[in-house]
Amino acid sequence: MTTLIGQDFLKMHGLGNDFVVLDARASERSLSEAAVRAIADRNRGVGCDQLIVVESARGATSDAWMTIYNPDGSQSGACGNATRCVAWLLMEQSGTDKVVIETKAGLLDAERRGDRLVAVDMGLARLDWREIPLAEAVDTLHLGISAGPLVDPVGVSMGNPHAVFFVDDVAAIDLAAFGPVLENHAIFPERANIEIVQVLSPEKLRMRVWERSAGITQACGSGACATLVAAARRGLTGRKAEVVLDGGSLVVEWLPDDHVLMTGPVALSFKGSLDPSLLG
């Protein structure tokens, strides 16, 4: 295994959903789970919700490959806010306004929509129980699980599993208590991201999120996409709405071809270089 000693990194965020971004396109590099955990540690490492490694494109139709690591060292199939951050970096480097990023979840088209404003086509919303995935055949519009005041969620996959719970007041829910219970519910063999959502109007949703392995985060792009899809399926909104998260707002649209388009800002916090001690 090659190491990342002295490897430069960027610290970026989308609405406070923060990332350590490593560019591995110049040479092949890999990270152990222990190294990911060390870098992601907010007390002893750099600290992040996810660690992102940008690699050379694996197909002729993409500009780069993006690997997403959770803070516990496991990999995730999708991260909308990270995709927007990486897309912005690639567009800044290439001088273009459109890029294609390849992930475990497939090819994601992104384009510039303003100064540090990026739109990403997150692909198809997957609604079959096998695609989320779930441990048994159930109606994904009504999963039939609960924890305390959280009942009757909608299941959606945006390349990663989500359970969306609609509530009267997101501020009244102890997400730190119920999030980990639901994340690890037996119906989710790969665990799940947990969203609690308050309908403010047919065009505006308030969402808080418990991300699997990361806990409560300021924002979750794939979660915002899953939230809009779930709300539209329940008839609570149309197919486009503003989703207000703890860190700010995203605009999400469920397109006629069933792809989900997410638009929001990106930010570069600082640059640095990893110390060898973080890599074991």
C-alpha atoms as a PDB file:
ATOM      1  CA  MET A   1       0.000   0.000   0.000  1.00  0.00           C
ATOM      2  CA  THR A   2       1.340   3.424  -0.901  1.00  0.00           C
ATOM      3  CA  THR A   3       1.052   6.161   1.678  1.00  0.00           C
ATOM      4  CA  LEU A   4      -0.047   9.761   1.749  1.00  0.00           C
ATOM      5  CA  ILE A   5       2.845  11.155   3.811  1.00  0.00           C
ATOM      6  CA  GLY A   6       3.103  14.854   3.101  1.00  0.00           C
ATOM      7  CA  GLN A   7      -0.019  14.694   0.916  1.00  0.00           C
ATOM      8  CA  ASP A   8      -1.658  18.075   0.478  1.00  0.00           C
ATOM      9  CA  PHE A   9      -5.355  18.325   1.194  1.00  0.00           C
ATOM     10  CA  LEU A  10      -8.189  20.815   0.920  1.00  0.00           C
ATOM     11  CA  LYS A  11     -10.821  21.370   3.592  1.00  0.00           C
ATOM     12  CA  MET A  12     -14.134  22.174   1.891  1.00  0.00           C
ATOM     13  CA  HIS A  13     -17.791  22.264   2.823  1.00  0.00           C
ATOM     14  CA  GLY A  14     -21.255  22.542   1.367  1.00  0.00           C
ATOM     15  CA  LEU A  15     -23.557  24.288   3.858  1.00  0.00           C
ATOM     16  CA  GLY A  16     -21.337  23.135   6.731  1.00  0.00           C
ATOM     17  CA  ASN A  17     -21.241  19.498   5.566  1.00  0.00           C
ATOM     18  CA  ASP A  18     -17.435  19.343   5.599  1.00  0.00           C
ATOM     19  CA  PHE A  19     -14.841  17.290   3.755  1.00  0.00           C
ATOM     20  CA  VAL A  20     -11.146  16.593   3.585  1.00  0.00           C
ATOM     21  CA  VAL A  21     -10.387  16.356  -0.150  1.00  0.00           C
ATOM     22  CA  LEU A  22      -7.282  14.511  -1.395  1.00  0.00           C
ATOM     23  CA  ASP A  23      -6.191  14.643  -5.031  1.00  0.00           C
ATOM     24  CA  ALA A  24      -4.731  11.248  -5.999  1.00  0.00           C
ATOM     25  CA  ARG A  25      -4.840  11.705  -9.776  1.00  0.00           C
ATOM     26  CA  ALA A  26      -1.065  12.102 -10.144  1.00  0.00           C
ATOM     27  CA  SER A  27      -0.318   8.685  -8.614  1.00  0.00           C
ATOM     28  CA  GLU A  28      -2.234   5.737  -7.211  1.00  0.00           C
ATOM     29  CA  ARG A  29      -2.773   5.982  -3.487  1.00  0.00           C
ATOM     30  CA  SER A  30      -4.934   4.111  -1.028  1.00  0.00           C
ATOM     31  CA  LEU A  31      -5.979   4.658   2.557  1.00  0.00           C
ATOM     32  CA  SER A  32      -6.503   2.163   5.339  1.00  0.00           C
ATOM     33  CA  GLU A  33      -9.623   2.388   7.488  1.00  0.00           C
ATOM     34  CA  ALA A  34      -7.402   3.398  10.402  1.00  0.00           C
ATOM     35  CA  ALA A  35      -5.906   6.282   8.397  1.00  0.00           C
ATOM     36  CA  VAL A  36      -9.359   7.515   7.369  1.00  0.00           C
ATOM     37  CA  ARG A  37     -10.499   7.442  10.989  1.00  0.00           C
ATOM     38  CA  ALA A  38      -7.375   9.319  12.088  1.00  0.00           C
ATOM     39  CA  ILE A  39      -7.746  12.067   9.466  1.00  0.00           C
ATOM     40  CA  ALA A  40     -11.489  12.439  10.110  1.00  0.00           C
ATOM     41  CA  ASP A  41     -11.061  12.717  13.892  1.00  0.00           C
ATOM     42  CA  ARG A  42     -12.035  16.259  14.911  1.00  0.00           C
ATOM     43  CA  ASN A  43      -9.863  16.260  18.025  1.00  0.00           C
ATOM     44  CA  ARG A  44      -6.673  14.578  16.797  1.00  0.00           C
ATOM     45  CA  GLY A  45      -6.892  14.815  12.993  1.00  0.00           C
ATOM     46  CA  VAL A  46      -8.181  17.333  10.461  1.00  0.00           C
ATOM     47  CA  GLY A  47     -11.843  16.510  11.120  1.00  0.00           C
ATOM     48  CA  CYS A  48     -14.605  15.992   8.578  1.00  0.00           C
ATOM     49  CA  ASP A  49     -17.987  14.444   7.889  1.00  0.00           C
ATOM     50  CA  GLN A  50     -16.484  12.541   4.942  1.00  0.00           C
ATOM     51  CA  LEU A  51     -13.034  12.105   3.437  1.00  0.00           C
ATOM     52  CA  ILE A  52     -12.951  12.406  -0.357  1.00  0.00           C
ATOM     53  CA  VAL A  53     -10.284  10.990  -2.673  1.00  0.00           C
ATOM     54  CA  VAL A  54     -10.279  12.282  -6.250  1.00  0.00           C
ATOM     55  CA  GLU A  55      -8.769   9.750  -8.637  1.00  0.00           C
ATOM     56  CA  SER A  56      -8.168   9.581 -12.384  1.00  0.00           C
ATOM     57  CA  ALA A  57     -11.207   8.857 -14.521  1.00  0.00           C
ATOM     58  CA  ARG A  58     -11.902   5.162 -15.026  1.00  0.00           C
ATOM     59  CA  GLY A  59     -14.128   5.648 -18.062  1.00  0.00           C
ATOM     60  CA  ALA A  60     -13.881   7.662 -21.265  1.00  0.00           C
ATOM     61  CA  THR A  61     -16.959   9.759 -20.470  1.00  0.00           C
ATOM     62  CA  SER A  62     -15.956  11.101 -17.032  1.00  0.00           C
ATOM     63  CA  ASP A  63     -13.486  13.713 -15.809  1.00  0.00           C
ATOM     64  CA  ALA A  64     -12.553  12.023 -12.530  1.00  0.00           C
ATOM     65  CA  TRP A  65     -13.443   9.243 -10.112  1.00  0.00           C
ATOM     66  CA  MET A  66     -14.510  10.162  -6.572  1.00  0.00           C
ATOM     67  CA  THR A  67     -14.217   7.769  -3.609  1.00  0.00           C
ATOM     68  CA  ILE A  68     -16.183   8.727  -0.485  1.00  0.00           C
ATOM     69  CA  TYR A  69     -15.081   7.542   2.960  1.00  0.00           C
ATOM     70  CA  ASN A  70     -17.202   7.806   6.083  1.00  0.00           C
ATOM     71  CA  PRO A  71     -15.470   8.825   9.350  1.00  0.00           C
ATOM     72  CA  ASP A  72     -15.407   5.188  10.490  1.00  0.00           C
ATOM     73  CA  GLY A  73     -13.368   4.202   7.416  1.00  0.00           C
ATOM     74  CA  SER A  74     -16.219   2.592   5.478  1.00  0.00           C
ATOM     75  CA  GLN A  75     -17.124   3.749   1.983  1.00  0.00           C
ATOM     76  CA  SER A  76     -20.312   5.491   0.872  1.00  0.00           C
ATOM     77  CA  GLY A  77     -21.867   5.333  -2.564  1.00  0.00           C
ATOM     78  CA  ALA A  78     -23.047   8.940  -2.725  1.00  0.00           C
ATOM     79  CA  CYS A  79     -22.548  12.370  -1.202  1.00  0.00           C
ATOM     80  CA  GLY A  80     -24.227  15.276  -2.947  1.00  0.00           C
ATOM     81  CA  ASN A  81     -22.440  18.111  -1.175  1.00  0.00           C
ATOM     82  CA  ALA A  82     -19.035  16.494  -1.747  1.00  0.00           C
ATOM     83  CA  THR A  83     -19.891  15.998  -5.417  1.00  0.00           C
ATOM     84  CA  ARG A  84     -20.599  19.699  -5.763  1.00  0.00           C
ATOM     85  CA  CYS A  85     -17.304  20.564  -4.037  1.00  0.00           C
ATOM     86  CA  VAL A  86     -15.268  18.247  -6.263  1.00  0.00           C
ATOM     87  CA  ALA A  87     -17.131  19.441  -9.361  1.00  0.00           C
ATOM     88  CA  TRP A  88     -16.246  23.049  -8.521  1.00  0.00           C
ATOM     89  CA  LEU A  89     -12.568  22.110  -8.087  1.00  0.00           C
ATOM     90  CA  LEU A  90     -12.480  20.302 -11.429  1.00  0.00           C
ATOM     91  CA  MET A  91     -14.218  23.178 -13.206  1.00  0.00           C
ATOM     92  CA  GLU A  92     -11.804  25.697 -11.673  1.00  0.00           C
ATOM     93  CA  GLN A  93      -8.846  23.604 -12.815  1.00  0.00           C
ATOM     94  CA  SER A  94     -10.151  22.991 -16.342  1.00  0.00           C
ATOM     95  CA  GLY A  95     -11.792  26.363 -16.946  1.00  0.00           C
ATOM     96  CA  THR A  96     -15.017  24.638 -17.991  1.00  0.00           C
ATOM     97  CA  ASP A  97     -18.578  25.005 -16.731  1.00  0.00           C
ATOM     98  CA  LYS A  98     -19.521  21.318 -16.882  1.00  0.00           C
ATOM     99  CA  VAL A  99     -17.888  18.122 -15.615  1.00  0.00           C
ATOM    100  CA  VAL A 100     -18.812  14.474 -15.145  1.00  0.00           C
ATOM    101  CA  ILE A 101     -17.788  12.702 -11.944  1.00  0.00           C
ATOM    102  CA  GLU A 102     -17.787   8.925 -11.618  1.00  0.00           C
ATOM    103  CA  THR A 103     -18.692   7.296  -8.282  1.00  0.00           C
ATOM    104  CA  LYS A 104     -19.839   3.924  -6.979  1.00  0.00           C
ATOM    105  CA  ALA A 105     -23.365   5.230  -7.580  1.00  0.00           C
ATOM    106  CA  GLY A 106     -22.682   5.977 -11.256  1.00  0.00           C
ATOM    107  CA  LEU A 107     -21.905   9.002 -13.434  1.00  0.00           C
ATOM    108  CA  LEU A 108     -22.921  12.390 -12.021  1.00  0.00           C
ATOM    109  CA  ASP A 109     -23.204  15.438 -14.315  1.00  0.00           C
ATOM    110  CA  ALA A 110     -22.420  18.786 -12.708  1.00  0.00           C
ATOM    111  CA  GLU A 111     -22.451  22.349 -13.970  1.00  0.00           C
ATOM    112  CA  ARG A 112     -21.656  25.814 -12.720  1.00  0.00           C
ATOM    113  CA  ARG A 113     -24.690  27.963 -11.904  1.00  0.00           C
ATOM    114  CA  GLY A 114     -22.946  31.030 -10.481  1.00  0.00           C
ATOM    115  CA  ASP A 115     -20.057  32.067  -8.252  1.00  0.00           C
ATOM    116  CA  ARG A 116     -19.355  28.897  -6.224  1.00  0.00           C
ATOM    117  CA  LEU A 117     -22.857  27.677  -7.007  1.00  0.00           C
ATOM    118  CA  VAL A 118     -23.038  24.185  -8.518  1.00  0.00           C
ATOM    119  CA  ALA A 119     -25.877  21.969  -9.756  1.00  0.00           C
ATOM    120  CA  VAL A 120     -25.461  18.179  -9.749  1.00  0.00           C
ATOM    121  CA  ASP A 121     -27.653  15.568 -11.413  1.00  0.00           C
ATOM    122  CA  MET A 122     -27.684  12.959  -8.661  1.00  0.00           C
ATOM    123  CA  GLY A 123     -29.161  10.315 -10.946  1.00  0.00           C
ATOM    124  CA  LEU A 124     -32.297   8.282 -10.495  1.00  0.00           C
ATOM    125  CA  ALA A 125     -34.097   8.048  -7.194  1.00  0.00           C
ATOM    126  CA  ARG A 126     -34.320   4.320  -6.453  1.00  0.00           C
ATOM    127  CA  LEU A 127     -37.554   3.274  -4.842  1.00  0.00           C
ATOM    128  CA  ASP A 128     -37.644  -0.524  -4.949  1.00  0.00           C
ATOM    129  CA  TRP A 129     -36.955  -2.235  -1.620  1.00  0.00           C
ATOM    130  CA  ARG A 130     -34.099  -4.236  -3.161  1.00  0.00           C
ATOM    131  CA  GLU A 131     -32.385  -1.078  -4.399  1.00  0.00           C
ATOM    132  CA  ILE A 132     -32.346   0.775  -1.068  1.00  0.00           C
ATOM    133  CA  PRO A 133     -31.617  -2.019   0.129  1.00  0.00           C
ATOM    134  CA  LEU A 134     -34.026  -3.392   2.731  1.00  0.00           C
ATOM    135  CA  ALA A 135     -33.883  -6.735   4.492  1.00  0.00           C
ATOM    136  CA  GLU A 136     -37.395  -7.710   3.401  1.00  0.00           C
ATOM    137  CA  ALA A 137     -40.013  -6.861   0.777  1.00  0.00           C
ATOM    138  CA  VAL A 138     -42.039  -3.872   1.987  1.00  0.00           C
ATOM    139  CA  ASP A 139     -43.794  -0.864   0.475  1.00  0.00           C
ATOM    140  CA  THR A 140     -41.076   1.810   0.437  1.00  0.00           C
ATOM    141  CA  LEU A 141     -43.712   4.536   0.757  1.00  0.00           C
ATOM    142  CA  HIS A 142     -44.518   3.163   4.232  1.00  0.00           C
ATOM    143  CA  LEU A 143     -41.618   1.240   5.777  1.00  0.00           C
ATOM    144  CA  GLY A 144     -43.550   0.417   8.936  1.00  0.00           C
ATOM    145  CA  ILE A 145     -40.757   1.094  11.435  1.00  0.00           C
ATOM    146  CA  SER A 146     -40.649   3.581  14.295  1.00  0.00           C
ATOM    147  CA  ALA A 147     -38.655   4.951  17.212  1.00  0.00           C
ATOM    148  CA  GLY A 148     -40.366   7.166  19.767  1.00  0.00           C
ATOM    149  CA  PRO A 149     -42.200   9.973  17.927  1.00  0.00           C
ATOM    150  CA  LEU A 150     -40.684   8.979  14.568  1.00  0.00           C
ATOM    151  CA  VAL A 151     -43.063   6.718  12.644  1.00  0.00           C
ATOM    152  CA  ASP A 152     -43.962   5.606   9.104  1.00  0.00           C
ATOM    153  CA  PRO A 153     -40.897   6.679   7.073  1.00  0.00           C
ATOM    154  CA  VAL A 154     -40.429   6.689   3.307  1.00  0.00           C
ATOM    155  CA  GLY A 155     -37.487   4.685   1.956  1.00  0.00           C
ATOM    156  CA  VAL A 156     -35.347   6.132  -0.842  1.00  0.00           C
ATOM    157  CA  SER A 157     -31.925   5.356  -2.262  1.00  0.00           C
ATOM    158  CA  MET A 158     -29.817   8.061  -3.887  1.00  0.00           C
ATOM    159  CA  GLY A 159     -26.927   5.638  -4.222  1.00  0.00           C
ATOM    160  CA  ASN A 160     -27.069   5.330  -0.423  1.00  0.00           C
ATOM    161  CA  PRO A 161     -30.023   4.369   1.808  1.00  0.00           C
ATOM    162  CA  HIS A 162     -32.350   6.947   3.395  1.00  0.00           C
ATOM    163  CA  ALA A 163     -35.361   6.797   5.688  1.00  0.00           C
ATOM    164  CA  VAL A 164     -37.402  10.023   5.639  1.00  0.00           C
ATOM    165  CA  PHE A 165     -39.708  10.759   8.595  1.00  0.00           C
ATOM    166  CA  PHE A 166     -42.267  13.593   8.429  1.00  0.00           C
ATOM    167  CA  VAL A 167     -42.895  15.435  11.704  1.00  0.00           C
ATOM    168  CA  ASP A 168     -44.767  18.513  12.890  1.00  0.00           C
ATOM    169  CA  ASP A 169     -41.672  20.213  14.339  1.00  0.00           C
ATOM    170  CA  VAL A 170     -38.083  19.114  13.662  1.00  0.00           C
ATOM    171  CA  ALA A 171     -36.864  21.155  16.642  1.00  0.00           C
ATOM    172  CA  ALA A 172     -38.931  19.024  19.013  1.00  0.00           C
ATOM    173  CA  ILE A 173     -37.236  15.755  17.990  1.00  0.00           C
ATOM    174  CA  ASP A 174     -34.198  14.434  19.879  1.00  0.00           C
ATOM    175  CA  LEU A 175     -32.382  13.357  16.744  1.00  0.00           C
ATOM    176  CA  ALA A 176     -29.250  12.404  18.681  1.00  0.00           C
ATOM    177  CA  ALA A 177     -31.284   9.830  20.604  1.00  0.00           C
ATOM    178  CA  PHE A 178     -33.361   8.332  17.815  1.00  0.00           C
ATOM    179  CA  GLY A 179     -30.912   8.684  14.898  1.00  0.00           C
ATOM    180  CA  PRO A 180     -28.518   5.874  15.877  1.00  0.00           C
ATOM    181  CA  VAL A 181     -31.377   3.531  16.775  1.00  0.00           C
ATOM    182  CA  LEU A 182     -32.963   3.938  13.346  1.00  0.00           C
ATOM    183  CA  GLU A 183     -29.652   3.944  11.462  1.00  0.00           C
ATOM    184  CA  ASN A 184     -28.987   0.465  12.783  1.00  0.00           C
ATOM    185  CA  HIS A 185     -32.530  -0.927  12.481  1.00  0.00           C
ATOM    186  CA  ALA A 186     -32.576  -4.539  11.285  1.00  0.00           C
ATOM    187  CA  ILE A 187     -34.509  -3.559   8.140  1.00  0.00           C
ATOM    188  CA  PHE A 188     -31.392  -1.735   6.833  1.00  0.00           C
ATOM    189  CA  PRO A 189     -28.648  -4.296   6.113  1.00  0.00           C
ATOM    190  CA  GLU A 190     -26.274  -1.475   5.116  1.00  0.00           C
ATOM    191  CA  ARG A 191     -27.576   0.919   7.808  1.00  0.00           C
ATOM    192  CA  ALA A 192     -29.345   4.123   6.712  1.00  0.00           C
ATOM    193  CA  ASN A 193     -29.269   7.895   6.784  1.00  0.00           C
ATOM    194  CA  ILE A 194     -32.165   9.252   8.842  1.00  0.00           C
ATOM    195  CA  GLU A 195     -33.982  12.459   7.845  1.00  0.00           C
ATOM    196  CA  ILE A 196     -36.632  14.238   9.897  1.00  0.00           C
ATOM    197  CA  VAL A 197     -38.675  16.679   7.824  1.00  0.00           C
ATOM    198  CA  GLN A 198     -41.180  19.431   8.525  1.00  0.00           C
ATOM    199  CA  VAL A 199     -43.337  20.687   5.637  1.00  0.00           C
ATOM    200  CA  LEU A 200     -43.246  24.494   5.781  1.00  0.00           C
ATOM    201  CA  SER A 201     -45.144  24.907   2.489  1.00  0.00           C
ATOM    202  CA  PRO A 202     -45.606  22.964  -0.768  1.00  0.00           C
ATOM    203  CA  GLU A 203     -42.399  24.673  -1.965  1.00  0.00           C
ATOM    204  CA  LYS A 204     -40.303  24.579   1.212  1.00  0.00           C
ATOM    205  CA  LEU A 205     -39.156  21.779   3.529  1.00  0.00           C
ATOM    206  CA  ARG A 206     -37.163  21.934   6.773  1.00  0.00           C
ATOM    207  CA  MET A 207     -34.854  18.946   7.212  1.00  0.00           C
ATOM    208  CA  ARG A 208     -32.427  17.672   9.827  1.00  0.00           C
ATOM    209  CA  VAL A 209     -30.255  14.645   9.269  1.00  0.00           C
ATOM    210  CA  TRP A 210     -28.500  11.845  11.103  1.00  0.00           C
ATOM    211  CA  GLU A 211     -25.884  10.446   8.702  1.00  0.00           C
ATOM    212  CA  ARG A 212     -24.812   6.828   9.097  1.00  0.00           C
ATOM    213  CA  SER A 213     -21.423   6.681  10.852  1.00  0.00           C
ATOM    214  CA  ALA A 214     -21.149  10.503  10.966  1.00  0.00           C
ATOM    215  CA  GLY A 215     -24.072  11.411  13.248  1.00  0.00           C
ATOM    216  CA  ILE A 216     -25.824  14.770  13.053  1.00  0.00           C
ATOM    217  CA  THR A 217     -24.388  16.928  10.270  1.00  0.00           C
ATOM    218  CA  GLN A 218     -25.092  20.463   9.111  1.00  0.00           C
ATOM    219  CA  ALA A 219     -26.286  19.278   5.710  1.00  0.00           C
ATOM    220  CA  CYS A 220     -26.640  16.195   3.520  1.00  0.00           C
ATOM    221  CA  GLY A 221     -27.112  16.608  -0.216  1.00  0.00           C
ATOM    222  CA  SER A 222     -28.267  13.078  -0.941  1.00  0.00           C
ATOM    223  CA  GLY A 223     -30.568  13.375   2.089  1.00  0.00           C
ATOM    224  CA  ALA A 224     -32.090  16.570   0.696  1.00  0.00           C
ATOM    225  CA  CYS A 225     -32.715  14.753  -2.587  1.00  0.00           C
ATOM    226  CA  ALA A 226     -34.294  11.799  -0.798  1.00  0.00           C
ATOM    227  CA  THR A 227     -36.430  14.216   1.233  1.00  0.00           C
ATOM    228  CA  LEU A 228     -37.869  15.953  -1.826  1.00  0.00           C
ATOM    229  CA  VAL A 229     -38.607  12.615  -3.513  1.00  0.00           C
ATOM    230  CA  ALA A 230     -40.300  11.297  -0.362  1.00  0.00           C
ATOM    231  CA  ALA A 231     -42.383  14.468   0.045  1.00  0.00           C
ATOM    232  CA  ALA A 232     -43.467  14.406  -3.592  1.00  0.00           C
ATOM    233  CA  ARG A 233     -44.404  10.721  -3.344  1.00  0.00           C
ATOM    234  CA  ARG A 234     -46.557  11.484  -0.311  1.00  0.00           C
ATOM    235  CA  GLY A 235     -48.224  14.398  -2.127  1.00  0.00           C
ATOM    236  CA  LEU A 236     -46.842  16.942   0.342  1.00  0.00           C
ATOM    237  CA  THR A 237     -44.981  18.974  -2.301  1.00  0.00           C
ATOM    238  CA  GLY A 238     -44.575  19.170  -6.032  1.00  0.00           C
ATOM    239  CA  ARG A 239     -41.432  17.901  -7.706  1.00  0.00           C
ATOM    240  CA  LYS A 240     -39.327  20.982  -6.851  1.00  0.00           C
ATOM    241  CA  ALA A 241     -38.734  22.629  -3.488  1.00  0.00           C
ATOM    242  CA  GLU A 242     -36.234  24.451  -1.309  1.00  0.00           C
ATOM    243  CA  VAL A 243     -34.843  22.172   1.402  1.00  0.00           C
ATOM    244  CA  VAL A 244     -33.685  24.119   4.454  1.00  0.00           C
ATOM    245  CA  LEU A 245     -30.976  22.314   6.445  1.00  0.00           C
ATOM    246  CA  ASP A 246     -29.117  23.293   9.606  1.00  0.00           C
ATOM    247  CA  GLY A 247     -26.329  24.787   7.454  1.00  0.00           C
ATOM    248  CA  GLY A 248     -28.426  26.508   4.764  1.00  0.00           C
ATOM    249  CA  SER A 249     -30.627  25.766   1.781  1.00  0.00           C
ATOM    250  CA  LEU A 250     -30.495  23.555  -1.289  1.00  0.00           C
ATOM    251  CA  VAL A 251     -32.880  23.624  -4.235  1.00  0.00           C
ATOM    252  CA  VAL A 252     -33.905  20.122  -5.287  1.00  0.00           C
ATOM    253  CA  GLU A 253     -35.931  19.119  -8.354  1.00  0.00           C
ATOM    254  CA  TRP A 254     -37.209  15.642  -9.264  1.00  0.00           C
ATOM    255  CA  LEU A 255     -37.037  15.894 -13.035  1.00  0.00           C
ATOM    256  CA  PRO A 256     -39.524  14.358 -15.493  1.00  0.00           C
ATOM    257  CA  ASP A 257     -36.980  11.619 -16.303  1.00  0.00           C
ATOM    258  CA  ASP A 258     -36.883  10.800 -12.547  1.00  0.00           C
ATOM    259  CA  HIS A 259     -33.332  12.085 -12.122  1.00  0.00           C
ATOM    260  CA  VAL A 260     -32.850  14.374  -9.113  1.00  0.00           C
ATOM    261  CA  LEU A 261     -31.150  17.750  -9.613  1.00  0.00           C
ATOM    262  CA  MET A 262     -29.602  19.456  -6.586  1.00  0.00           C
ATOM    263  CA  THR A 263     -28.253  23.030  -6.601  1.00  0.00           C
ATOM    264  CA  GLY A 264     -26.307  24.745  -3.830  1.00  0.00           C
ATOM    265  CA  PRO A 265     -23.114  26.564  -2.792  1.00  0.00           C
ATOM    266  CA  VAL A 266     -19.604  25.256  -2.148  1.00  0.00           C
ATOM    267  CA  ALA A 267     -16.850  26.748   0.006  1.00  0.00           C
ATOM    268  CA  LEU A 268     -13.098  26.271   0.413  1.00  0.00           C
ATOM    269  CA  SER A 269     -12.070  26.611   4.064  1.00  0.00           C
ATOM    270  CA  PHE A 270      -8.300  26.020   4.019  1.00  0.00           C
ATOM    271  CA  LYS A 271      -5.410  24.033   2.590  1.00  0.00           C
ATOM    272  CA  GLY A 272      -2.934  21.868   4.470  1.00  0.00           C
ATOM    273  CA  SER A 273      -0.599  18.912   4.443  1.00  0.00           C
ATOM    274  CA  LEU A 274      -1.155  15.658   6.321  1.00  0.00           C
ATOM    275  CA  ASP A 275       1.287  14.763   9.078  1.00  0.00           C
ATOM    276  CA  PRO A 276       2.715  11.215   8.922  1.00  0.00           C
ATOM    277  CA  SER A 277       1.346  10.518  12.416  1.00  0.00           C
ATOM    278  CA  LEU A 278      -2.192  10.494  11.002  1.00  0.00           C
ATOM    279  CA  LEU A 279      -1.323   7.537   8.810  1.00  0.00           C
ATOM    280  CA  GLY A 280      -0.073   5.126  11.461  1.00  0.00           C
END
